[in-house]
PDB file of N, CA and C in Angstrom:
ATOM      1  N   MET A   1       2.949  23.631 102.034  1.00  0.00           N
ATOM      2  CA  MET A   1       1.510  23.523 102.083  1.00  0.00           C
ATOM      3  C   MET A   1       0.661  23.979 103.533  1.00  0.00           C
ATOM      4  N   SER A   2      -0.449  25.278 102.999  1.00  0.00           N
ATOM      5  CA  SER A   2      -1.400  25.403 104.412  1.00  0.00           C
ATOM      6  C   SER A   2      -2.466  24.751 105.116  1.00  0.00           C
ATOM      7  N   ASN A   3      -2.848  25.106 106.069  1.00  0.00           N
ATOM      8  CA  ASN A   3      -3.476  24.672 106.869  1.00  0.00           C
ATOM      9  C   ASN A   3      -4.554  24.949 106.685  1.00  0.00           C
ATOM     10  N   GLU A   4      -5.243  25.908 105.213  1.00  0.00           N
ATOM     11  CA  GLU A   4      -6.372  26.158 105.018  1.00  0.00           C
ATOM     12  C   GLU A   4      -7.135  24.762 104.269  1.00  0.00           C
ATOM     13  N   ILE A   5      -8.499  25.465 103.694  1.00  0.00           N
ATOM     14  CA  ILE A   5      -9.426  23.871 103.279  1.00  0.00           C
ATOM     15  C   ILE A   5      -9.192  24.816 101.868  1.00  0.00           C
ATOM     16  N   PRO A   6      -9.014  23.576 100.890  1.00  0.00           N
ATOM     17  CA  PRO A   6      -9.005  24.215  99.580  1.00  0.00           C
ATOM     18  C   PRO A   6     -10.335  24.239  98.671  1.00  0.00           C
ATOM     19  N   LEU A   7      -9.890  24.789  97.622  1.00  0.00           N
ATOM     20  CA  LEU A   7     -11.303  25.910  97.218  1.00  0.00           C
ATOM     21  C   LEU A   7     -12.052  24.837  96.148  1.00  0.00           C
ATOM     22  N   ARG A   8     -12.650  23.842  96.661  1.00  0.00           N
ATOM     23  CA  ARG A   8     -13.851  23.099  96.485  1.00  0.00           C
ATOM     24  C   ARG A   8     -13.277  21.702  95.531  1.00  0.00           C
ATOM     25  N   HIS A   9     -11.876  21.729  95.906  1.00  0.00           N
ATOM     26  CA  HIS A   9     -11.862  20.377  95.157  1.00  0.00           C
ATOM     27  C   HIS A   9     -12.141  19.372  95.705  1.00  0.00           C
ATOM     28  N   ASP A  10     -13.084  18.433  94.698  1.00  0.00           N
ATOM     29  CA  ASP A  10     -13.779  16.806  94.541  1.00  0.00           C
ATOM     30  C   ASP A  10     -13.078  15.877  95.725  1.00  0.00           C
ATOM     31  N   SER A  11     -11.942  15.935  95.312  1.00  0.00           N
ATOM     32  CA  SER A  11     -11.272  14.911  96.178  1.00  0.00           C
ATOM     33  C   SER A  11     -11.304  15.134  96.854  1.00  0.00           C
ATOM     34  N   VAL A  12     -11.088  16.542  97.138  1.00  0.00           N
ATOM     35  CA  VAL A  12     -10.291  17.342  98.589  1.00  0.00           C
ATOM     36  C   VAL A  12     -11.321  17.133  99.828  1.00  0.00           C
ATOM     37  N   THR A  13     -12.598  17.805  99.035  1.00  0.00           N
ATOM     38  CA  THR A  13     -13.477  19.023 100.388  1.00  0.00           C
ATOM     39  C   THR A  13     -14.761  17.981  99.654  1.00  0.00           C
ATOM     40  N   VAL A  14     -15.728  17.978 100.597  1.00  0.00           N
ATOM     41  CA  VAL A  14     -17.061  17.515 100.301  1.00  0.00           C
ATOM     42  C   VAL A  14     -17.539  18.399 100.945  1.00  0.00           C
ATOM     43  N   ALA A  15     -18.959  18.500 100.527  1.00  0.00           N
ATOM     44  CA  ALA A  15     -20.000  19.722 101.296  1.00  0.00           C
ATOM     45  C   ALA A  15     -21.067  18.344 102.000  1.00  0.00           C
ATOM     46  N   CYS A  16     -20.788  19.063 103.429  1.00  0.00           N
ATOM     47  CA  CYS A  16     -21.581  18.059 104.206  1.00  0.00           C
ATOM     48  C   CYS A  16     -23.503  18.118 104.180  1.00  0.00           C
ATOM     49  N   PRO A  17     -23.535  16.957 103.792  1.00  0.00           N
ATOM     50  CA  PRO A  17     -25.545  16.941 103.597  1.00  0.00           C
ATOM     51  C   PRO A  17     -25.951  17.523 104.662  1.00  0.00           C
ATOM     52  N   VAL A  18     -26.044  17.999 105.572  1.00  0.00           N
ATOM     53  CA  VAL A  18     -26.699  18.626 106.695  1.00  0.00           C
ATOM     54  C   VAL A  18     -26.879  20.218 106.616  1.00  0.00           C
ATOM     55  N   CYS A  19     -25.500  20.820 106.551  1.00  0.00           N
ATOM     56  CA  CYS A  19     -25.383  21.874 106.785  1.00  0.00           C
ATOM     57  C   CYS A  19     -24.947  22.972 105.783  1.00  0.00           C
ATOM     58  N   HIS A  20     -24.485  21.449 104.738  1.00  0.00           N
ATOM     59  CA  HIS A  20     -24.028  22.345 103.331  1.00  0.00           C
ATOM     60  C   HIS A  20     -22.501  22.961 103.442  1.00  0.00           C
ATOM     61  N   SER A  21     -22.223  22.720 104.420  1.00  0.00           N
ATOM     62  CA  SER A  21     -20.652  23.584 104.788  1.00  0.00           C
ATOM     63  C   SER A  21     -20.004  22.308 104.242  1.00  0.00           C
ATOM     64  N   ASP A  22     -17.990  23.463 103.581  1.00  0.00           N
ATOM     65  CA  ASP A  22     -17.502  22.437 103.068  1.00  0.00           C
ATOM     66  C   ASP A  22     -16.538  21.875 103.927  1.00  0.00           C
ATOM     67  N   PHE A  23     -15.795  20.528 103.992  1.00  0.00           N
ATOM     68  CA  PHE A  23     -14.781  20.620 105.166  1.00  0.00           C
ATOM     69  C   PHE A  23     -13.876  19.380 104.155  1.00  0.00           C
ATOM     70  N   LEU A  24     -12.433  18.845 104.991  1.00  0.00           N
ATOM     71  CA  LEU A  24     -12.158  18.304 104.490  1.00  0.00           C
ATOM     72  C   LEU A  24     -12.179  16.443 104.597  1.00  0.00           C
ATOM     73  N   VAL A  25     -11.994  15.761 103.394  1.00  0.00           N
ATOM     74  CA  VAL A  25     -12.093  14.284 103.456  1.00  0.00           C
ATOM     75  C   VAL A  25     -11.809  13.219 104.299  1.00  0.00           C
ATOM     76  N   SER A  26     -12.038  12.201 105.323  1.00  0.00           N
ATOM     77  CA  SER A  26     -11.313  11.877 106.228  1.00  0.00           C
ATOM     78  C   SER A  26     -11.447  10.468 105.987  1.00  0.00           C
ATOM     79  N   GLY A  27     -10.822   9.610 105.244  1.00  0.00           N
ATOM     80  CA  GLY A  27     -11.706   8.207 105.696  1.00  0.00           C
ATOM     81  C   GLY A  27     -13.024   8.345 104.598  1.00  0.00           C
ATOM     82  N   ARG A  28     -13.634   7.885 105.879  1.00  0.00           N
ATOM     83  CA  ARG A  28     -15.344   7.518 104.913  1.00  0.00           C
ATOM     84  C   ARG A  28     -16.277   8.401 105.376  1.00  0.00           C
ATOM     85  N   LYS A  29     -15.806   9.379 106.093  1.00  0.00           N
ATOM     86  CA  LYS A  29     -16.681  10.769 107.192  1.00  0.00           C
ATOM     87  C   LYS A  29     -17.364  10.872 105.787  1.00  0.00           C
ATOM     88  N   THR A  30     -19.172  11.342 106.335  1.00  0.00           N
ATOM     89  CA  THR A  30     -19.848  12.000 105.669  1.00  0.00           C
ATOM     90  C   THR A  30     -20.337  13.324 105.883  1.00  0.00           C
ATOM     91  N   TYR A  31     -20.515  13.700 107.134  1.00  0.00           N
ATOM     92  CA  TYR A  31     -20.685  14.955 107.884  1.00  0.00           C
ATOM     93  C   TYR A  31     -19.411  15.614 108.154  1.00  0.00           C
ATOM     94  N   CYS A  32     -19.677  16.801 108.498  1.00  0.00           N
ATOM     95  CA  CYS A  32     -18.364  17.344 108.938  1.00  0.00           C
ATOM     96  C   CYS A  32     -18.183  17.100 109.875  1.00  0.00           C
ATOM     97  N   SER A  33     -19.697  17.082 111.405  1.00  0.00           N
ATOM     98  CA  SER A  33     -18.892  16.984 112.522  1.00  0.00           C
ATOM     99  C   SER A  33     -20.071  15.822 113.068  1.00  0.00           C
ATOM    100  N   GLU A  34     -19.958  15.758 114.495  1.00  0.00           N
ATOM    101  CA  GLU A  34     -20.869  14.780 115.518  1.00  0.00           C
ATOM    102  C   GLU A  34     -21.822  15.567 115.178  1.00  0.00           C
ATOM    103  N   ARG A  35     -22.235  16.608 114.926  1.00  0.00           N
ATOM    104  CA  ARG A  35     -23.804  17.461 115.125  1.00  0.00           C
ATOM    105  C   ARG A  35     -24.583  16.786 114.633  1.00  0.00           C
ATOM    106  N   CYS A  36     -24.317  17.410 113.598  1.00  0.00           N
ATOM    107  CA  CYS A  36     -24.611  17.107 112.487  1.00  0.00           C
ATOM    108  C   CYS A  36     -25.178  15.172 111.254  1.00  0.00           C
ATOM    109  N   ARG A  37     -24.205  14.304 111.886  1.00  0.00           N
ATOM    110  CA  ARG A  37     -24.368  13.421 112.157  1.00  0.00           C
ATOM    111  C   ARG A  37     -25.068  12.457 112.983  1.00  0.00           C
ATOM    112  N   ALA A  38     -25.265  13.124 114.080  1.00  0.00           N
ATOM    113  CA  ALA A  38     -26.382  13.396 115.101  1.00  0.00           C
ATOM    114  C   ALA A  38     -28.090  12.977 114.714  1.00  0.00           C
ATOM    115  N   SER A  39     -27.598  14.523 113.888  1.00  0.00           N
ATOM    116  CA  SER A  39     -28.377  15.676 113.530  1.00  0.00           C
ATOM    117  C   SER A  39     -29.685  14.461 111.851  1.00  0.00           C
ATOM    118  N   ALA A  40     -28.470  14.312 110.847  1.00  0.00           N
ATOM    119  CA  ALA A  40     -29.509  13.126 109.848  1.00  0.00           C
ATOM    120  C   ALA A  40     -29.541  11.851 110.826  1.00  0.00           C
ATOM    121  N   TYR A  41     -28.999  11.530 112.004  1.00  0.00           N
ATOM    122  CA  TYR A  41     -29.549   9.895 112.279  1.00  0.00           C
ATOM    123  C   TYR A  41     -31.118  10.203 112.572  1.00  0.00           C
ATOM    124  N   ARG A  42     -30.904  11.073 113.494  1.00  0.00           N
ATOM    125  CA  ARG A  42     -32.418  11.973 113.733  1.00  0.00           C
ATOM    126  C   ARG A  42     -33.404  11.638 112.712  1.00  0.00           C
ATOM    127  N   THR A  43     -32.829  13.075 111.860  1.00  0.00           N
ATOM    128  CA  THR A  43     -33.905  12.601 110.486  1.00  0.00           C
ATOM    129  C   THR A  43     -34.496  11.676 109.935  1.00  0.00           C
ATOM    130  N   ARG A  44     -33.186  10.675 109.255  1.00  0.00           N
ATOM    131  CA  ARG A  44     -33.813   9.239 108.759  1.00  0.00           C
ATOM    132  C   ARG A  44     -34.936   8.403 110.035  1.00  0.00           C
ATOM    133  N   ARG A  45     -34.587   8.231 110.719  1.00  0.00           N
ATOM    134  CA  ARG A  45     -35.179   7.589 112.132  1.00  0.00           C
ATOM    135  C   ARG A  45     -36.994   7.920 111.875  1.00  0.00           C
ATOM    136  N   ASN A  46     -37.676   9.055 112.149  1.00  0.00           N
ATOM    137  CA  ASN A  46     -38.400  10.008 112.366  1.00  0.00           C
ATOM    138  C   ASN A  46     -38.745   9.805 110.821  1.00  0.00           C
ATOM    139  N   ASN A  47     -38.235  10.228 109.615  1.00  0.00           N
ATOM    140  CA  ASN A  47     -38.357   9.838 108.343  1.00  0.00           C
ATOM    141  C   ASN A  47     -39.383   8.632 108.320  1.00  0.00           C
ATOM    142  N   SER A  48     -38.589   7.423 109.162  1.00  0.00           N
ATOM    143  CA  SER A  48     -38.583   6.059 108.816  1.00  0.00           C
ATOM    144  C   SER A  48     -40.367   5.268 109.217  1.00  0.00           C
ATOM    145  N   GLN A  49     -40.707   6.480 109.972  1.00  0.00           N
ATOM    146  CA  GLN A  49     -41.530   5.833 111.306  1.00  0.00           C
ATOM    147  C   GLN A  49     -42.797   6.979 110.414  1.00  0.00           C
ATOM    148  N   LEU A  50     -42.738   7.180 109.431  1.00  0.00           N
ATOM    149  CA  LEU A  50     -44.040   7.507 108.138  1.00  0.00           C
ATOM    150  C   LEU A  50     -44.497   6.791 107.135  1.00  0.00           C
ATOM    151  N   LYS A  51     -43.854   5.370 107.903  1.00  0.00           N
ATOM    152  CA  LYS A  51     -43.896   4.247 106.694  1.00  0.00           C
ATOM    153  C   LYS A  51     -46.003   4.315 106.681  1.00  0.00           C
ATOM    154  N   VAL A  52     -46.234   3.471 105.116  1.00  0.00           N
ATOM    155  CA  VAL A  52     -47.695   2.750 105.645  1.00  0.00           C
ATOM    156  C   VAL A  52     -47.445   1.339 106.516  1.00  0.00           C
ATOM    157  N   PRO A  53     -48.840   1.723 107.103  1.00  0.00           N
ATOM    158  CA  PRO A  53     -48.701   0.893 108.035  1.00  0.00           C
ATOM    159  C   PRO A  53     -49.155  -0.222 107.739  1.00  0.00           C
ATOM    160  N   VAL A  54     -48.317  -1.814 108.661  1.00  0.00           N
ATOM    161  CA  VAL A  54     -48.426  -3.343 108.072  1.00  0.00           C
ATOM    162  C   VAL A  54     -49.745  -3.520 107.860  1.00  0.00           C
ATOM    163  N   VAL A  55     -50.537  -4.503 106.892  1.00  0.00           N
ATOM    164  CA  VAL A  55     -51.464  -4.878 107.135  1.00  0.00           C
ATOM    165  C   VAL A  55     -51.631  -6.631 107.173  1.00  0.00           C
ATOM    166  N   GLY A  56     -51.778  -6.924 108.064  1.00  0.00           N
ATOM    167  CA  GLY A  56     -52.090  -8.411 109.608  1.00  0.00           C
ATOM    168  C   GLY A  56     -52.689  -8.673 107.941  1.00  0.00           C
ATOM    169  N   LYS A  57     -51.926 -10.576 107.944  1.00  0.00           N
ATOM    170  CA  LYS A  57     -52.471 -11.371 107.006  1.00  0.00           C
ATOM    171  C   LYS A  57     -53.852 -11.739 107.303  1.00  0.00           C
ATOM    172  N   LYS A  58     -54.083 -11.246 108.894  1.00  0.00           N
ATOM    173  CA  LYS A  58     -55.934 -12.205 108.648  1.00  0.00           C
ATOM    174  C   LYS A  58     -56.571 -10.762 108.477  1.00  0.00           C
ATOM    175  N   GLN A  59     -56.504  -9.877 107.923  1.00  0.00           N
ATOM    176  CA  GLN A  59     -57.261  -8.789 108.417  1.00  0.00           C
ATOM    177  C   GLN A  59     -57.688  -8.799 106.980  1.00  0.00           C
ATOM    178  N   PRO A  60     -59.254  -8.549 106.963  1.00  0.00           N
ATOM    179  CA  PRO A  60     -59.854  -7.970 105.794  1.00  0.00           C
ATOM    180  C   PRO A  60     -59.206  -6.680 105.008  1.00  0.00           C
ATOM    181  N   LEU A  61     -58.667  -7.089 103.989  1.00  0.00           N
ATOM    182  CA  LEU A  61     -57.984  -5.204 102.834  1.00  0.00           C
ATOM    183  C   LEU A  61     -59.110  -4.373 102.840  1.00  0.00           C
ATOM    184  N   LYS A  62     -60.843  -5.098 102.218  1.00  0.00           N
ATOM    185  CA  LYS A  62     -61.432  -4.506 101.176  1.00  0.00           C
ATOM    186  C   LYS A  62     -62.021  -3.182 101.691  1.00  0.00           C
ATOM    187  N   PRO A  63     -62.035  -3.315 103.519  1.00  0.00           N
ATOM    188  CA  PRO A  63     -62.836  -2.395 104.067  1.00  0.00           C
ATOM    189  C   PRO A  63     -61.810  -0.936 104.700  1.00  0.00           C
ATOM    190  N   ILE A  64     -60.404  -0.977 104.538  1.00  0.00           N
ATOM    191  CA  ILE A  64     -59.157   0.017 104.724  1.00  0.00           C
ATOM    192  C   ILE A  64     -58.710   0.299 103.056  1.00  0.00           C
ATOM    193  N   THR A  65     -58.999   0.087 102.294  1.00  0.00           N
ATOM    194  CA  THR A  65     -58.876   0.145 100.743  1.00  0.00           C
ATOM    195  C   THR A  65     -59.446   1.328  99.847  1.00  0.00           C
ATOM    196  N   VAL A  66     -58.635   1.910  99.292  1.00  0.00           N
ATOM    197  CA  VAL A  66     -59.489   3.530  98.894  1.00  0.00           C
ATOM    198  C   VAL A  66     -59.608   3.164  97.116  1.00  0.00           C
ATOM    199  N   TYR A  67     -60.932   3.411  96.412  1.00  0.00           N
ATOM    200  CA  TYR A  67     -61.317   3.461  95.325  1.00  0.00           C
ATOM    201  C   TYR A  67     -61.622   4.341  94.693  1.00  0.00           C
ATOM    202  N   GLU A  68     -60.946   5.156  93.225  1.00  0.00           N
ATOM    203  CA  GLU A  68     -61.367   5.517  93.103  1.00  0.00           C
ATOM    204  C   GLU A  68     -61.940   5.799  91.296  1.00  0.00           C
ATOM    205  N   CYS A  69     -63.289   6.607  91.142  1.00  0.00           N
ATOM    206  CA  CYS A  69     -64.015   5.591  89.681  1.00  0.00           C
ATOM    207  C   CYS A  69     -63.019   6.480  88.632  1.00  0.00           C
ATOM    208  N   ASP A  70     -62.894   6.449  87.573  1.00  0.00           N
ATOM    209  CA  ASP A  70     -62.323   6.996  86.553  1.00  0.00           C
ATOM    210  C   ASP A  70     -62.836   7.428  85.348  1.00  0.00           C
ATOM    211  N   ILE A  71     -63.871   7.587  85.742  1.00  0.00           N
ATOM    212  CA  ILE A  71     -65.356   8.018  85.285  1.00  0.00           C
ATOM    213  C   ILE A  71     -65.574   9.546  85.440  1.00  0.00           C
ATOM    214  N   CYS A  72     -65.684   9.665  86.458  1.00  0.00           N
ATOM    215  CA  CYS A  72     -66.608  10.194  87.616  1.00  0.00           C
ATOM    216  C   CYS A  72     -65.701  11.227  88.805  1.00  0.00           C
ATOM    217  N   GLY A  73     -64.249  10.392  88.703  1.00  0.00           N
ATOM    218  CA  GLY A  73     -62.964  10.882  90.265  1.00  0.00           C
ATOM    219  C   GLY A  73     -64.013  10.313  91.419  1.00  0.00           C
ATOM    220  N   GLU A  74     -65.253   9.693  91.129  1.00  0.00           N
ATOM    221  CA  GLU A  74     -65.629   9.907  92.546  1.00  0.00           C
ATOM    222  C   GLU A  74     -64.794   8.799  93.657  1.00  0.00           C
ATOM    223  N   ARG A  75     -64.420   9.651  95.309  1.00  0.00           N
ATOM    224  CA  ARG A  75     -63.341   8.016  95.739  1.00  0.00           C
ATOM    225  C   ARG A  75     -64.341   6.694  96.636  1.00  0.00           C
ATOM    226  N   ALA A  76     -64.149   6.371  96.913  1.00  0.00           N
ATOM    227  CA  ALA A  76     -64.589   6.026  98.059  1.00  0.00           C
ATOM    228  C   ALA A  76     -64.081   5.015  99.124  1.00  0.00           C
ATOM    229  N   LEU A  77     -64.064   4.546 100.372  1.00  0.00           N
ATOM    230  CA  LEU A  77     -63.338   3.419 100.954  1.00  0.00           C
ATOM    231  C   LEU A  77     -64.144   2.327 101.510  1.00  0.00           C
ATOM    232  N   GLY A  78     -63.668   1.056 100.501  1.00  0.00           N
ATOM    233  CA  GLY A  78     -64.782  -0.077 100.555  1.00  0.00           C
ATOM    234  C   GLY A  78     -65.000  -0.729 100.201  1.00  0.00           C
ATOM    235  N   GLU A  79     -65.637   0.355  98.903  1.00  0.00           N
ATOM    236  CA  GLU A  79     -66.583   0.258  98.266  1.00  0.00           C
ATOM    237  C   GLU A  79     -65.962   0.059  96.343  1.00  0.00           C
ATOM    238  N   GLN A  80     -66.760  -1.088  96.363  1.00  0.00           N
ATOM    239  CA  GLN A  80     -65.753  -0.902  94.454  1.00  0.00           C
ATOM    240  C   GLN A  80     -66.509  -0.601  93.504  1.00  0.00           C
ATOM    241  N   ARG A  81     -67.466  -0.020  93.732  1.00  0.00           N
ATOM    242  CA  ARG A  81     -68.928  -0.040  93.054  1.00  0.00           C
ATOM    243  C   ARG A  81     -69.033   1.230  93.131  1.00  0.00           C
ATOM    244  N   CYS A  82     -68.684   2.144  92.181  1.00  0.00           N
ATOM    245  CA  CYS A  82     -68.785   3.361  92.087  1.00  0.00           C
ATOM    246  C   CYS A  82     -70.585   4.022  92.030  1.00  0.00           C
ATOM    247  N   ASP A  83     -71.471   5.216  92.711  1.00  0.00           N
ATOM    248  CA  ASP A  83     -72.735   4.463  93.521  1.00  0.00           C
ATOM    249  C   ASP A  83     -73.298   5.836  92.091  1.00  0.00           C
ATOM    250  N   GLU A  84     -72.472   6.767  91.653  1.00  0.00           N
ATOM    251  CA  GLU A  84     -72.670   7.538  90.800  1.00  0.00           C
ATOM    252  C   GLU A  84     -73.502   7.162  88.871  1.00  0.00           C
ATOM    253  N   CYS A  85     -72.082   5.853  89.127  1.00  0.00           N
ATOM    254  CA  CYS A  85     -71.551   5.223  87.977  1.00  0.00           C
ATOM    255  C   CYS A  85     -72.332   3.938  87.506  1.00  0.00           C
ATOM    256  N   GLN A  86     -72.687   3.208  88.312  1.00  0.00           N
ATOM    257  CA  GLN A  86     -72.676   2.337  88.456  1.00  0.00           C
ATOM    258  C   GLN A  86     -71.083   1.303  88.029  1.00  0.00           C
ATOM    259  N   LYS A  87     -70.332   1.798  88.216  1.00  0.00           N
ATOM    260  CA  LYS A  87     -69.009   0.841  87.292  1.00  0.00           C
ATOM    261  C   LYS A  87     -68.121   0.654  88.920  1.00  0.00           C
ATOM    262  N   PHE A  88     -67.839   0.000  88.080  1.00  0.00           N
ATOM    263  CA  PHE A  88     -66.136  -0.879  89.398  1.00  0.00           C
ATOM    264  C   PHE A  88     -65.814   0.084  88.877  1.00  0.00           C
ATOM    265  N   MET A  89     -64.981   0.610  90.157  1.00  0.00           N
ATOM    266  CA  MET A  89     -63.639   1.809  90.370  1.00  0.00           C
ATOM    267  C   MET A  89     -62.416   0.712  90.353  1.00  0.00           C
ATOM    268  N   ARG A  90     -61.319   1.887  90.290  1.00  0.00           N
ATOM    269  CA  ARG A  90     -59.618   1.481  90.297  1.00  0.00           C
ATOM    270  C   ARG A  90     -59.384   1.397  92.138  1.00  0.00           C
ATOM    271  N   ARG A  91     -58.040   0.462  92.119  1.00  0.00           N
ATOM    272  CA  ARG A  91     -57.731   0.857  93.679  1.00  0.00           C
ATOM    273  C   ARG A  91     -56.669   2.193  93.404  1.00  0.00           C
ATOM    274  N   VAL A  92     -56.726   2.603  94.551  1.00  0.00           N
ATOM    275  CA  VAL A  92     -55.540   3.590  94.743  1.00  0.00           C
ATOM    276  C   VAL A  92     -54.432   3.093  95.510  1.00  0.00           C
ATOM    277  N   GLY A  93     -56.059   2.939  97.174  1.00  0.00           N
ATOM    278  CA  GLY A  93     -53.786   2.151  98.085  1.00  0.00           C
ATOM    279  C   GLY A  93     -54.817   1.844  98.993  1.00  0.00           C
ATOM    280  N   PHE A  94     -54.414   1.789  99.934  1.00  0.00           N
ATOM    281  CA  PHE A  94     -54.801   1.383 101.539  1.00  0.00           C
ATOM    282  C   PHE A  94     -55.118   3.024 102.767  1.00  0.00           C
ATOM    283  N   GLY A  95     -55.639   3.190 103.235  1.00  0.00           N
ATOM    284  CA  GLY A  95     -56.282   4.219 103.782  1.00  0.00           C
ATOM    285  C   GLY A  95     -57.511   4.625 104.203  1.00  0.00           C
ATOM    286  N   GLY A  96     -57.701   5.674 104.727  1.00  0.00           N
ATOM    287  CA  GLY A  96     -59.315   5.908 105.128  1.00  0.00           C
ATOM    288  C   GLY A  96     -59.501   6.995 105.051  1.00  0.00           C
ATOM    289  N   LEU A  97     -60.376   7.508 106.150  1.00  0.00           N
ATOM    290  CA  LEU A  97     -61.097   8.538 105.082  1.00  0.00           C
ATOM    291  C   LEU A  97     -60.629  10.145 106.558  1.00  0.00           C
ATOM    292  N   CYS A  98     -60.769  11.112 105.766  1.00  0.00           N
ATOM    293  CA  CYS A  98     -59.848  12.133 105.783  1.00  0.00           C
ATOM    294  C   CYS A  98     -60.299  13.112 107.414  1.00  0.00           C
ATOM    295  N   PRO A  99     -59.867  13.547 108.639  1.00  0.00           N
ATOM    296  CA  PRO A  99     -60.703  13.753 109.621  1.00  0.00           C
ATOM    297  C   PRO A  99     -61.509  15.197 109.414  1.00  0.00           C
ATOM    298  N   HIS A 100     -60.569  16.373 108.314  1.00  0.00           N
ATOM    299  CA  HIS A 100     -61.516  17.395 107.850  1.00  0.00           C
ATOM    300  C   HIS A 100     -62.037  17.398 107.210  1.00  0.00           C
ATOM    301  N   CYS A 101     -61.978  16.741 106.130  1.00  0.00           N
ATOM    302  CA  CYS A 101     -63.583  16.293 104.769  1.00  0.00           C
ATOM    303  C   CYS A 101     -64.148  15.141 104.826  1.00  0.00           C
ATOM    304  N   ASP A 102     -64.011  14.143 105.527  1.00  0.00           N
ATOM    305  CA  ASP A 102     -64.598  12.929 105.956  1.00  0.00           C
ATOM    306  C   ASP A 102     -63.791  12.543 103.529  1.00  0.00           C
ATOM    307  N   GLY A 103     -63.630  12.719 103.070  1.00  0.00           N
ATOM    308  CA  GLY A 103     -63.261  12.129 101.782  1.00  0.00           C
ATOM    309  C   GLY A 103     -61.558  10.922 102.197  1.00  0.00           C
ATOM    310  N   ALA A 104     -62.315   9.919 101.032  1.00  0.00           N
ATOM    311  CA  ALA A 104     -60.979   8.969 101.362  1.00  0.00           C
ATOM    312  C   ALA A 104     -59.636   9.497 100.388  1.00  0.00           C
ATOM    313  N   VAL A 105     -59.078   9.301 101.386  1.00  0.00           N
ATOM    314  CA  VAL A 105     -57.503   9.326 101.242  1.00  0.00           C
ATOM    315  C   VAL A 105     -56.903   8.476 101.138  1.00  0.00           C
ATOM    316  N   ALA A 106     -55.902   7.835 100.651  1.00  0.00           N
ATOM    317  CA  ALA A 106     -55.093   6.669 100.162  1.00  0.00           C
ATOM    318  C   ALA A 106     -53.543   7.101 101.510  1.00  0.00           C
ATOM    319  N   TYR A 107     -52.665   6.750 101.636  1.00  0.00           N
ATOM    320  CA  TYR A 107     -51.993   6.612 103.342  1.00  0.00           C
ATOM    321  C   TYR A 107     -50.553   6.980 102.219  1.00  0.00           C
ATOM    322  N   ASP A 108     -49.908   6.654 100.364  1.00  0.00           N
ATOM    323  CA  ASP A 108     -49.210   6.825  99.995  1.00  0.00           C
ATOM    324  C   ASP A 108     -49.665   8.725  99.134  1.00  0.00           C
ATOM    325  N   GLU A 109     -50.613   9.380  99.743  1.00  0.00           N
ATOM    326  CA  GLU A 109     -50.642   9.764  98.998  1.00  0.00           C
ATOM    327  C   GLU A 109     -50.321  11.188  99.778  1.00  0.00           C
ATOM    328  N   LEU A 110     -50.303  11.349 101.472  1.00  0.00           N
ATOM    329  CA  LEU A 110     -49.820  11.157 102.137  1.00  0.00           C
ATOM    330  C   LEU A 110     -48.737  11.873 102.869  1.00  0.00           C
ATOM    331  N   THR A 111     -47.635  10.472 102.829  1.00  0.00           N
ATOM    332  CA  THR A 111     -46.211  10.477 103.114  1.00  0.00           C
ATOM    333  C   THR A 111     -45.665  11.380 101.208  1.00  0.00           C
ATOM    334  N   VAL A 112     -44.440  11.344 101.866  1.00  0.00           N
ATOM    335  CA  VAL A 112     -44.175  12.446 101.343  1.00  0.00           C
ATOM    336  C   VAL A 112     -42.644  11.172 100.919  1.00  0.00           C
ATOM    337  N   GLY A 113     -41.876  10.926  99.409  1.00  0.00           N
ATOM    338  CA  GLY A 113     -41.067  10.446  99.318  1.00  0.00           C
ATOM    339  C   GLY A 113     -41.226   9.907  97.686  1.00  0.00           C
TER     340      GLY A 113
END
């Protein structure tokens, strides 16, 4: 048997999830090199910091909640009643005001995933 990497046999070779190069499987090895393993760790660690902030138990939730009117589509931060329709709006999620357009934006809409 030669020392060359076999042509894409799933039981023998797998693709590295970071650089997509094929490598020989050895035990529970997931990445082709230490460099790719470290890169994947840093990516996972950075993505975990983008999660929605935890709201304290004693903090009132209404002022940081984004609401949207089902009738006219108007959005408001901390206001449950639509100024246009005078109807109650549905809750979109926790959020704040956009620094560029001053519109109400939910954190879930900003995060990827």
